[in-house]
Amino acid sequence: MKAADKLYYARAVIGFVAGVGSALISGLELSPLPFFVGWALGMAWAIALYVATYKVLKRYFLGELKRRDIALLGLEAYVLMWLMSWTLFYTLLGFWA
């Protein structure tokens, strides 16, 4: 498997994990705060996780890929998996809670 493929699939898996984390964060009952604060924290979690994993993956793939490729390759997979898993787990948490 090529380095680009490994990076793409790693971003998809990390996006799924970020979505689960966002669902847990946004599903918390922060009673004195408005409802959209949980959503903003969920989005901030996903952005922070992407930046943190970029720094980790940059060390791993720097010899094989360019910095720009490391930063952007798999971004769409990350975002789509994050949104899909956030929506799915947020709905499941709301349904079973």
PDB file of N, CA and C in Angstrom:
ATOM      1  N   MET A   1       0.847  -1.168   0.000  1.00  0.00           N
ATOM      2  CA  MET A   1       0.000   0.000   0.000  1.00  0.00           C
ATOM      3  C   MET A   1       0.900   1.242   0.000  1.00  0.00           C
ATOM      4  N   LYS A   2       0.543   2.200  -0.806  1.00  0.00           N
ATOM      5  CA  LYS A   2       1.331   3.421  -0.923  1.00  0.00           C
ATOM      6  C   LYS A   2       1.141   4.300   0.312  1.00  0.00           C
ATOM      7  N   ALA A   3       2.075   5.223   0.491  1.00  0.00           N
ATOM      8  CA  ALA A   3       2.007   6.135   1.638  1.00  0.00           C
ATOM      9  C   ALA A   3       0.765   7.023   1.560  1.00  0.00           C
ATOM     10  N   ALA A   4       0.391   7.444   0.357  1.00  0.00           N
ATOM     11  CA  ALA A   4      -0.798   8.287   0.201  1.00  0.00           C
ATOM     12  C   ALA A   4      -2.063   7.533   0.600  1.00  0.00           C
ATOM     13  N   ASP A   5      -2.124   6.252   0.258  1.00  0.00           N
ATOM     14  CA  ASP A   5      -3.285   5.451   0.643  1.00  0.00           C
ATOM     15  C   ASP A   5      -3.361   5.273   2.153  1.00  0.00           C
ATOM     16  N   LYS A   6      -2.223   5.024   2.774  1.00  0.00           N
ATOM     17  CA  LYS A   6      -2.192   4.877   4.235  1.00  0.00           C
ATOM     18  C   LYS A   6      -2.658   6.152   4.922  1.00  0.00           C
ATOM     19  N   LEU A   7      -2.198   7.286   4.409  1.00  0.00           N
ATOM     20  CA  LEU A   7      -2.594   8.568   4.991  1.00  0.00           C
ATOM     21  C   LEU A   7      -4.085   8.812   4.811  1.00  0.00           C
ATOM     22  N   TYR A   8      -4.605   8.499   3.633  1.00  0.00           N
ATOM     23  CA  TYR A   8      -6.028   8.710   3.363  1.00  0.00           C
ATOM     24  C   TYR A   8      -6.898   7.886   4.308  1.00  0.00           C
ATOM     25  N   TYR A   9      -6.587   6.616   4.454  1.00  0.00           N
ATOM     26  CA  TYR A   9      -7.389   5.754   5.320  1.00  0.00           C
ATOM     27  C   TYR A   9      -7.197   6.089   6.798  1.00  0.00           C
ATOM     28  N   ALA A  10      -6.008   6.527   7.157  1.00  0.00           N
ATOM     29  CA  ALA A  10      -5.789   6.963   8.541  1.00  0.00           C
ATOM     30  C   ALA A  10      -6.652   8.177   8.853  1.00  0.00           C
ATOM     31  N   ARG A  11      -6.745   9.109   7.908  1.00  0.00           N
ATOM     32  CA  ARG A  11      -7.590  10.286   8.116  1.00  0.00           C
ATOM     33  C   ARG A  11      -9.053   9.903   8.225  1.00  0.00           C
ATOM     34  N   ALA A  12      -9.490   8.926   7.464  1.00  0.00           N
ATOM     35  CA  ALA A  12     -10.889   8.484   7.555  1.00  0.00           C
ATOM     36  C   ALA A  12     -11.178   7.885   8.924  1.00  0.00           C
ATOM     37  N   VAL A  13     -10.283   7.062   9.425  1.00  0.00           N
ATOM     38  CA  VAL A  13     -10.476   6.453  10.752  1.00  0.00           C
ATOM     39  C   VAL A  13     -10.429   7.515  11.838  1.00  0.00           C
ATOM     40  N   ILE A  14      -9.501   8.446  11.720  1.00  0.00           N
ATOM     41  CA  ILE A  14      -9.400   9.527  12.712  1.00  0.00           C
ATOM     42  C   ILE A  14     -10.651  10.408  12.660  1.00  0.00           C
ATOM     43  N   GLY A  15     -11.208  10.614  11.469  1.00  0.00           N
ATOM     44  CA  GLY A  15     -12.456  11.367  11.344  1.00  0.00           C
ATOM     45  C   GLY A  15     -13.608  10.680  12.034  1.00  0.00           C
ATOM     46  N   PHE A  16     -13.654   9.356  11.948  1.00  0.00           N
ATOM     47  CA  PHE A  16     -14.690   8.599  12.646  1.00  0.00           C
ATOM     48  C   PHE A  16     -14.552   8.767  14.158  1.00  0.00           C
ATOM     49  N   VAL A  17     -13.338   8.668  14.653  1.00  0.00           N
ATOM     50  CA  VAL A  17     -13.085   8.843  16.093  1.00  0.00           C
ATOM     51  C   VAL A  17     -13.435  10.269  16.529  1.00  0.00           C
ATOM     52  N   ALA A  18     -13.104  11.244  15.687  1.00  0.00           N
ATOM     53  CA  ALA A  18     -13.443  12.630  16.005  1.00  0.00           C
ATOM     54  C   ALA A  18     -14.954  12.827  16.064  1.00  0.00           C
ATOM     55  N   GLY A  19     -15.688  12.155  15.205  1.00  0.00           N
ATOM     56  CA  GLY A  19     -17.145  12.248  15.221  1.00  0.00           C
ATOM     57  C   GLY A  19     -17.749  11.663  16.479  1.00  0.00           C
ATOM     58  N   VAL A  20     -17.213  10.537  16.929  1.00  0.00           N
ATOM     59  CA  VAL A  20     -17.695   9.945  18.181  1.00  0.00           C
ATOM     60  C   VAL A  20     -17.413  10.882  19.349  1.00  0.00           C
ATOM     61  N   GLY A  21     -16.213  11.452  19.367  1.00  0.00           N
ATOM     62  CA  GLY A  21     -15.874  12.420  20.422  1.00  0.00           C
ATOM     63  C   GLY A  21     -16.752  13.656  20.375  1.00  0.00           C
ATOM     64  N   SER A  22     -17.024  14.144  19.174  1.00  0.00           N
ATOM     65  CA  SER A  22     -17.900  15.315  19.038  1.00  0.00           C
ATOM     66  C   SER A  22     -19.315  15.011  19.512  1.00  0.00           C
ATOM     67  N   ALA A  23     -19.794  13.808  19.232  1.00  0.00           N
ATOM     68  CA  ALA A  23     -21.134  13.428  19.690  1.00  0.00           C
ATOM     69  C   ALA A  23     -21.190  13.368  21.208  1.00  0.00           C
ATOM     70  N   LEU A  24     -20.151  12.828  21.813  1.00  0.00           N
ATOM     71  CA  LEU A  24     -20.118  12.775  23.277  1.00  0.00           C
ATOM     72  C   LEU A  24     -20.030  14.166  23.886  1.00  0.00           C
ATOM     73  N   ILE A  25     -19.218  15.023  23.292  1.00  0.00           N
ATOM     74  CA  ILE A  25     -19.072  16.386  23.815  1.00  0.00           C
ATOM     75  C   ILE A  25     -20.354  17.184  23.627  1.00  0.00           C
ATOM     76  N   SER A  26     -20.941  17.110  22.428  1.00  0.00           N
ATOM     77  CA  SER A  26     -22.145  17.909  22.174  1.00  0.00           C
ATOM     78  C   SER A  26     -23.372  17.332  22.863  1.00  0.00           C
ATOM     79  N   GLY A  27     -23.327  16.072  23.247  1.00  0.00           N
ATOM     80  CA  GLY A  27     -24.448  15.460  23.946  1.00  0.00           C
ATOM     81  C   GLY A  27     -24.469  15.747  25.433  1.00  0.00           C
ATOM     82  N   LEU A  28     -23.407  16.335  25.942  1.00  0.00           N
ATOM     83  CA  LEU A  28     -23.379  16.667  27.367  1.00  0.00           C
ATOM     84  C   LEU A  28     -24.398  17.744  27.680  1.00  0.00           C
ATOM     85  N   GLU A  29     -25.004  17.643  28.823  1.00  0.00           N
ATOM     86  CA  GLU A  29     -25.973  18.647  29.247  1.00  0.00           C
ATOM     87  C   GLU A  29     -25.252  19.750  30.003  1.00  0.00           C
ATOM     88  N   LEU A  30     -24.961  20.822  29.313  1.00  0.00           N
ATOM     89  CA  LEU A  30     -24.331  21.989  29.933  1.00  0.00           C
ATOM     90  C   LEU A  30     -25.454  22.982  30.231  1.00  0.00           C
ATOM     91  N   SER A  31     -26.129  22.788  31.331  1.00  0.00           N
ATOM     92  CA  SER A  31     -27.391  23.469  31.610  1.00  0.00           C
ATOM     93  C   SER A  31     -27.337  25.000  31.596  1.00  0.00           C
ATOM     94  N   PRO A  32     -26.352  25.682  32.177  1.00  0.00           N
ATOM     95  CA  PRO A  32     -26.447  27.140  32.149  1.00  0.00           C
ATOM     96  C   PRO A  32     -26.080  27.750  30.798  1.00  0.00           C
ATOM     97  N   LEU A  33     -25.526  26.970  29.915  1.00  0.00           N
ATOM     98  CA  LEU A  33     -25.088  27.492  28.625  1.00  0.00           C
ATOM     99  C   LEU A  33     -26.112  27.160  27.540  1.00  0.00           C
ATOM    100  N   PRO A  34     -26.171  27.973  26.475  1.00  0.00           N
ATOM    101  CA  PRO A  34     -27.094  27.684  25.368  1.00  0.00           C
ATOM    102  C   PRO A  34     -26.731  26.371  24.675  1.00  0.00           C
ATOM    103  N   PHE A  35     -27.689  25.822  23.929  1.00  0.00           N
ATOM    104  CA  PHE A  35     -27.509  24.501  23.308  1.00  0.00           C
ATOM    105  C   PHE A  35     -26.390  24.476  22.282  1.00  0.00           C
ATOM    106  N   PHE A  36     -26.121  25.591  21.596  1.00  0.00           N
ATOM    107  CA  PHE A  36     -25.134  25.588  20.521  1.00  0.00           C
ATOM    108  C   PHE A  36     -23.695  25.581  21.032  1.00  0.00           C
ATOM    109  N   VAL A  37     -23.488  25.766  22.322  1.00  0.00           N
ATOM    110  CA  VAL A  37     -22.133  25.721  22.873  1.00  0.00           C
ATOM    111  C   VAL A  37     -21.573  24.300  22.762  1.00  0.00           C
ATOM    112  N   GLY A  38     -22.401  23.308  22.987  1.00  0.00           N
ATOM    113  CA  GLY A  38     -21.965  21.921  22.832  1.00  0.00           C
ATOM    114  C   GLY A  38     -21.571  21.612  21.402  1.00  0.00           C
ATOM    115  N   TRP A  39     -22.308  22.153  20.449  1.00  0.00           N
ATOM    116  CA  TRP A  39     -21.977  21.948  19.041  1.00  0.00           C
ATOM    117  C   TRP A  39     -20.665  22.648  18.694  1.00  0.00           C
ATOM    118  N   ALA A  40     -20.477  23.858  19.206  1.00  0.00           N
ATOM    119  CA  ALA A  40     -19.229  24.585  18.950  1.00  0.00           C
ATOM    120  C   ALA A  40     -18.043  23.843  19.561  1.00  0.00           C
ATOM    121  N   LEU A  41     -18.226  23.272  20.746  1.00  0.00           N
ATOM    122  CA  LEU A  41     -17.156  22.490  21.356  1.00  0.00           C
ATOM    123  C   LEU A  41     -16.874  21.222  20.554  1.00  0.00           C
ATOM    124  N   GLY A  42     -17.894  20.616  19.993  1.00  0.00           N
ATOM    125  CA  GLY A  42     -17.704  19.436  19.145  1.00  0.00           C
ATOM    126  C   GLY A  42     -16.919  19.760  17.890  1.00  0.00           C
ATOM    127  N   MET A  43     -17.213  20.905  17.276  1.00  0.00           N
ATOM    128  CA  MET A  43     -16.457  21.330  16.103  1.00  0.00           C
ATOM    129  C   MET A  43     -15.024  21.693  16.467  1.00  0.00           C
ATOM    130  N   ALA A  44     -14.850  22.361  17.589  1.00  0.00           N
ATOM    131  CA  ALA A  44     -13.500  22.720  18.038  1.00  0.00           C
ATOM    132  C   ALA A  44     -12.674  21.470  18.324  1.00  0.00           C
ATOM    133  N   TRP A  45     -13.306  20.439  18.891  1.00  0.00           N
ATOM    134  CA  TRP A  45     -12.631  19.157  19.144  1.00  0.00           C
ATOM    135  C   TRP A  45     -12.143  18.552  17.833  1.00  0.00           C
ATOM    136  N   ALA A  46     -12.978  18.562  16.800  1.00  0.00           N
ATOM    137  CA  ALA A  46     -12.603  17.964  15.518  1.00  0.00           C
ATOM    138  C   ALA A  46     -11.462  18.734  14.863  1.00  0.00           C
ATOM    139  N   ILE A  47     -11.506  20.046  14.932  1.00  0.00           N
ATOM    140  CA  ILE A  47     -10.430  20.860  14.352  1.00  0.00           C
ATOM    141  C   ILE A  47      -9.128  20.642  15.110  1.00  0.00           C
ATOM    142  N   ALA A  48      -9.211  20.627  16.425  1.00  0.00           N
ATOM    143  CA  ALA A  48      -8.002  20.420  17.234  1.00  0.00           C
ATOM    144  C   ALA A  48      -7.414  19.033  16.991  1.00  0.00           C
ATOM    145  N   LEU A  49      -8.258  18.034  16.841  1.00  0.00           N
ATOM    146  CA  LEU A  49      -7.771  16.679  16.581  1.00  0.00           C
ATOM    147  C   LEU A  49      -7.121  16.592  15.207  1.00  0.00           C
ATOM    148  N   TYR A  50      -7.661  17.286  14.220  1.00  0.00           N
ATOM    149  CA  TYR A  50      -7.061  17.282  12.884  1.00  0.00           C
ATOM    150  C   TYR A  50      -5.679  17.919  12.915  1.00  0.00           C
ATOM    151  N   VAL A  51      -5.561  19.043  13.594  1.00  0.00           N
ATOM    152  CA  VAL A  51      -4.268  19.726  13.678  1.00  0.00           C
ATOM    153  C   VAL A  51      -3.255  18.871  14.436  1.00  0.00           C
ATOM    154  N   ALA A  52      -3.678  18.252  15.524  1.00  0.00           N
ATOM    155  CA  ALA A  52      -2.774  17.410  16.309  1.00  0.00           C
ATOM    156  C   ALA A  52      -2.323  16.193  15.506  1.00  0.00           C
ATOM    157  N   THR A  53      -3.248  15.563  14.795  1.00  0.00           N
ATOM    158  CA  THR A  53      -2.856  14.399  14.009  1.00  0.00           C
ATOM    159  C   THR A  53      -2.022  14.797  12.797  1.00  0.00           C
ATOM    160  N   TYR A  54      -2.211  16.005  12.279  1.00  0.00           N
ATOM    161  CA  TYR A  54      -1.347  16.479  11.195  1.00  0.00           C
ATOM    162  C   TYR A  54       0.102  16.542  11.674  1.00  0.00           C
ATOM    163  N   LYS A  55       0.297  17.053  12.865  1.00  0.00           N
ATOM    164  CA  LYS A  55       1.660  17.155  13.387  1.00  0.00           C
ATOM    165  C   LYS A  55       2.283  15.781  13.611  1.00  0.00           C
ATOM    166  N   VAL A  56       1.483  14.831  14.062  1.00  0.00           N
ATOM    167  CA  VAL A  56       1.993  13.468  14.268  1.00  0.00           C
ATOM    168  C   VAL A  56       2.256  12.792  12.930  1.00  0.00           C
ATOM    169  N   LEU A  57       1.319  12.891  12.011  1.00  0.00           N
ATOM    170  CA  LEU A  57       1.466  12.237  10.715  1.00  0.00           C
ATOM    171  C   LEU A  57       2.563  12.879   9.870  1.00  0.00           C
ATOM    172  N   LYS A  58       2.824  14.157  10.090  1.00  0.00           N
ATOM    173  CA  LYS A  58       3.893  14.839   9.358  1.00  0.00           C
ATOM    174  C   LYS A  58       5.242  14.192   9.666  1.00  0.00           C
ATOM    175  N   ARG A  59       5.452  13.827  10.903  1.00  0.00           N
ATOM    176  CA  ARG A  59       6.704  13.167  11.273  1.00  0.00           C
ATOM    177  C   ARG A  59       6.824  11.799  10.606  1.00  0.00           C
ATOM    178  N   TYR A  60       5.716  11.118  10.463  1.00  0.00           N
ATOM    179  CA  TYR A  60       5.713   9.763   9.917  1.00  0.00           C
ATOM    180  C   TYR A  60       5.864   9.753   8.390  1.00  0.00           C
ATOM    181  N   PHE A  61       5.213  10.679   7.693  1.00  0.00           N
ATOM    182  CA  PHE A  61       5.167  10.656   6.238  1.00  0.00           C
ATOM    183  C   PHE A  61       6.043  11.694   5.553  1.00  0.00           C
ATOM    184  N   LEU A  62       6.831  12.470   6.270  1.00  0.00           N
ATOM    185  CA  LEU A  62       7.555  13.588   5.666  1.00  0.00           C
ATOM    186  C   LEU A  62       8.558  13.133   4.612  1.00  0.00           C
ATOM    187  N   GLY A  63       9.180  12.003   4.758  1.00  0.00           N
ATOM    188  CA  GLY A  63      10.132  11.541   3.755  1.00  0.00           C
ATOM    189  C   GLY A  63       9.475  11.077   2.471  1.00  0.00           C
ATOM    190  N   GLU A  64       8.212  10.669   2.532  1.00  0.00           N
ATOM    191  CA  GLU A  64       7.536  10.098   1.375  1.00  0.00           C
ATOM    192  C   GLU A  64       6.593  11.072   0.667  1.00  0.00           C
ATOM    193  N   LEU A  65       6.039  12.027   1.396  1.00  0.00           N
ATOM    194  CA  LEU A  65       5.075  12.972   0.828  1.00  0.00           C
ATOM    195  C   LEU A  65       5.488  14.405   1.149  1.00  0.00           C
ATOM    196  N   LYS A  66       4.976  15.338   0.351  1.00  0.00           N
ATOM    197  CA  LYS A  66       5.229  16.761   0.612  1.00  0.00           C
ATOM    198  C   LYS A  66       4.361  17.232   1.776  1.00  0.00           C
ATOM    199  N   ARG A  67       4.739  18.349   2.366  1.00  0.00           N
ATOM    200  CA  ARG A  67       3.965  18.909   3.480  1.00  0.00           C
ATOM    201  C   ARG A  67       2.538  19.241   3.068  1.00  0.00           C
ATOM    202  N   ARG A  68       2.377  19.798   1.898  1.00  0.00           N
ATOM    203  CA  ARG A  68       1.040  20.161   1.432  1.00  0.00           C
ATOM    204  C   ARG A  68       0.176  18.918   1.248  1.00  0.00           C
ATOM    205  N   ASP A  69       0.768  17.854   0.720  1.00  0.00           N
ATOM    206  CA  ASP A  69       0.020  16.609   0.556  1.00  0.00           C
ATOM    207  C   ASP A  69      -0.373  16.024   1.902  1.00  0.00           C
ATOM    208  N   ILE A  70       0.521  16.102   2.869  1.00  0.00           N
ATOM    209  CA  ILE A  70       0.208  15.588   4.204  1.00  0.00           C
ATOM    210  C   ILE A  70      -0.925  16.391   4.830  1.00  0.00           C
ATOM    211  N   ALA A  71      -0.938  17.690   4.582  1.00  0.00           N
ATOM    212  CA  ALA A  71      -1.963  18.546   5.176  1.00  0.00           C
ATOM    213  C   ALA A  71      -3.331  18.344   4.526  1.00  0.00           C
ATOM    214  N   LEU A  72      -3.369  18.129   3.219  1.00  0.00           N
ATOM    215  CA  LEU A  72      -4.651  18.132   2.516  1.00  0.00           C
ATOM    216  C   LEU A  72      -5.156  16.767   2.083  1.00  0.00           C
ATOM    217  N   LEU A  73      -4.266  15.788   1.961  1.00  0.00           N
ATOM    218  CA  LEU A  73      -4.692  14.476   1.502  1.00  0.00           C
ATOM    219  C   LEU A  73      -5.566  13.805   2.564  1.00  0.00           C
ATOM    220  N   GLY A  74      -6.748  13.456   2.200  1.00  0.00           N
ATOM    221  CA  GLY A  74      -7.675  12.815   3.123  1.00  0.00           C
ATOM    222  C   GLY A  74      -8.543  13.789   3.901  1.00  0.00           C
ATOM    223  N   LEU A  75      -8.460  15.073   3.591  1.00  0.00           N
ATOM    224  CA  LEU A  75      -9.277  16.062   4.297  1.00  0.00           C
ATOM    225  C   LEU A  75     -10.762  15.811   4.078  1.00  0.00           C
ATOM    226  N   GLU A  76     -11.136  15.496   2.846  1.00  0.00           N
ATOM    227  CA  GLU A  76     -12.555  15.245   2.577  1.00  0.00           C
ATOM    228  C   GLU A  76     -13.032  13.972   3.263  1.00  0.00           C
ATOM    229  N   ALA A  77     -12.186  12.956   3.327  1.00  0.00           N
ATOM    230  CA  ALA A  77     -12.557  11.733   4.040  1.00  0.00           C
ATOM    231  C   ALA A  77     -12.729  12.026   5.530  1.00  0.00           C
ATOM    232  N   TYR A  78     -11.844  12.846   6.083  1.00  0.00           N
ATOM    233  CA  TYR A  78     -11.935  13.213   7.493  1.00  0.00           C
ATOM    234  C   TYR A  78     -13.243  13.950   7.773  1.00  0.00           C
ATOM    235  N   VAL A  79     -13.531  14.953   6.973  1.00  0.00           N
ATOM    236  CA  VAL A  79     -14.726  15.774   7.208  1.00  0.00           C
ATOM    237  C   VAL A  79     -15.999  14.948   7.038  1.00  0.00           C
ATOM    238  N   LEU A  80     -16.069  14.142   5.994  1.00  0.00           N
ATOM    239  CA  LEU A  80     -17.283  13.356   5.765  1.00  0.00           C
ATOM    240  C   LEU A  80     -17.474  12.273   6.825  1.00  0.00           C
ATOM    241  N   MET A  81     -16.413  11.604   7.215  1.00  0.00           N
ATOM    242  CA  MET A  81     -16.532  10.593   8.278  1.00  0.00           C
ATOM    243  C   MET A  81     -16.871  11.246   9.609  1.00  0.00           C
ATOM    244  N   TRP A  82     -16.306  12.418   9.860  1.00  0.00           N
ATOM    245  CA  TRP A  82     -16.608  13.144  11.097  1.00  0.00           C
ATOM    246  C   TRP A  82     -18.084  13.521  11.144  1.00  0.00           C
ATOM    247  N   LEU A  83     -18.585  14.103  10.076  1.00  0.00           N
ATOM    248  CA  LEU A  83     -20.001  14.497  10.052  1.00  0.00           C
ATOM    249  C   LEU A  83     -20.935  13.294  10.145  1.00  0.00           C
ATOM    250  N   MET A  84     -20.603  12.233   9.420  1.00  0.00           N
ATOM    251  CA  MET A  84     -21.453  11.045   9.437  1.00  0.00           C
ATOM    252  C   MET A  84     -21.483  10.408  10.829  1.00  0.00           C
ATOM    253  N   SER A  85     -20.321  10.229  11.427  1.00  0.00           N
ATOM    254  CA  SER A  85     -20.288   9.572  12.737  1.00  0.00           C
ATOM    255  C   SER A  85     -20.831  10.489  13.830  1.00  0.00           C
ATOM    256  N   TRP A  86     -20.615  11.788  13.724  1.00  0.00           N
ATOM    257  CA  TRP A  86     -21.181  12.713  14.704  1.00  0.00           C
ATOM    258  C   TRP A  86     -22.703  12.650  14.651  1.00  0.00           C
ATOM    259  N   THR A  87     -23.258  12.709  13.453  1.00  0.00           N
ATOM    260  CA  THR A  87     -24.707  12.657  13.304  1.00  0.00           C
ATOM    261  C   THR A  87     -25.268  11.331  13.802  1.00  0.00           C
ATOM    262  N   LEU A  88     -24.635  10.241  13.426  1.00  0.00           N
ATOM    263  CA  LEU A  88     -25.109   8.922  13.821  1.00  0.00           C
ATOM    264  C   LEU A  88     -25.081   8.750  15.339  1.00  0.00           C
ATOM    265  N   PHE A  89     -23.955   9.036  15.967  1.00  0.00           N
ATOM    266  CA  PHE A  89     -23.848   8.806  17.402  1.00  0.00           C
ATOM    267  C   PHE A  89     -24.598   9.846  18.224  1.00  0.00           C
ATOM    268  N   TYR A  90     -24.722  11.058  17.727  1.00  0.00           N
ATOM    269  CA  TYR A  90     -25.532  12.064  18.414  1.00  0.00           C
ATOM    270  C   TYR A  90     -27.007  11.621  18.406  1.00  0.00           C
ATOM    271  N   THR A  91     -27.460  11.088  17.281  1.00  0.00           N
ATOM    272  CA  THR A  91     -28.835  10.598  17.183  1.00  0.00           C
ATOM    273  C   THR A  91     -29.051   9.396  18.092  1.00  0.00           C
ATOM    274  N   LEU A  92     -28.110   8.470  18.078  1.00  0.00           N
ATOM    275  CA  LEU A  92     -28.242   7.288  18.938  1.00  0.00           C
ATOM    276  C   LEU A  92     -28.221   7.668  20.409  1.00  0.00           C
ATOM    277  N   LEU A  93     -27.382   8.588  20.792  1.00  0.00           N
ATOM    278  CA  LEU A  93     -27.347   9.034  22.182  1.00  0.00           C
ATOM    279  C   LEU A  93     -28.641   9.727  22.580  1.00  0.00           C
ATOM    280  N   GLY A  94     -29.194  10.501  21.679  1.00  0.00           N
ATOM    281  CA  GLY A  94     -30.447  11.189  21.958  1.00  0.00           C
ATOM    282  C   GLY A  94     -31.617  10.241  21.988  1.00  0.00           C
ATOM    283  N   PHE A  95     -31.554   9.195  21.168  1.00  0.00           N
ATOM    284  CA  PHE A  95     -32.656   8.241  21.104  1.00  0.00           C
ATOM    285  C   PHE A  95     -32.663   7.333  22.341  1.00  0.00           C
ATOM    286  N   TRP A  96     -31.514   6.878  22.763  1.00  0.00           N
ATOM    287  CA  TRP A  96     -31.444   5.946  23.878  1.00  0.00           C
ATOM    288  C   TRP A  96     -31.398   6.637  25.229  1.00  0.00           C
ATOM    289  N   ALA A  97     -31.124   7.910  25.246  1.00  0.00           N
ATOM    290  CA  ALA A  97     -31.007   8.608  26.530  1.00  0.00           C
ATOM    291  C   ALA A  97     -32.344   8.890  27.157  1.00  0.00           C
TER     292      ALA A  97
END
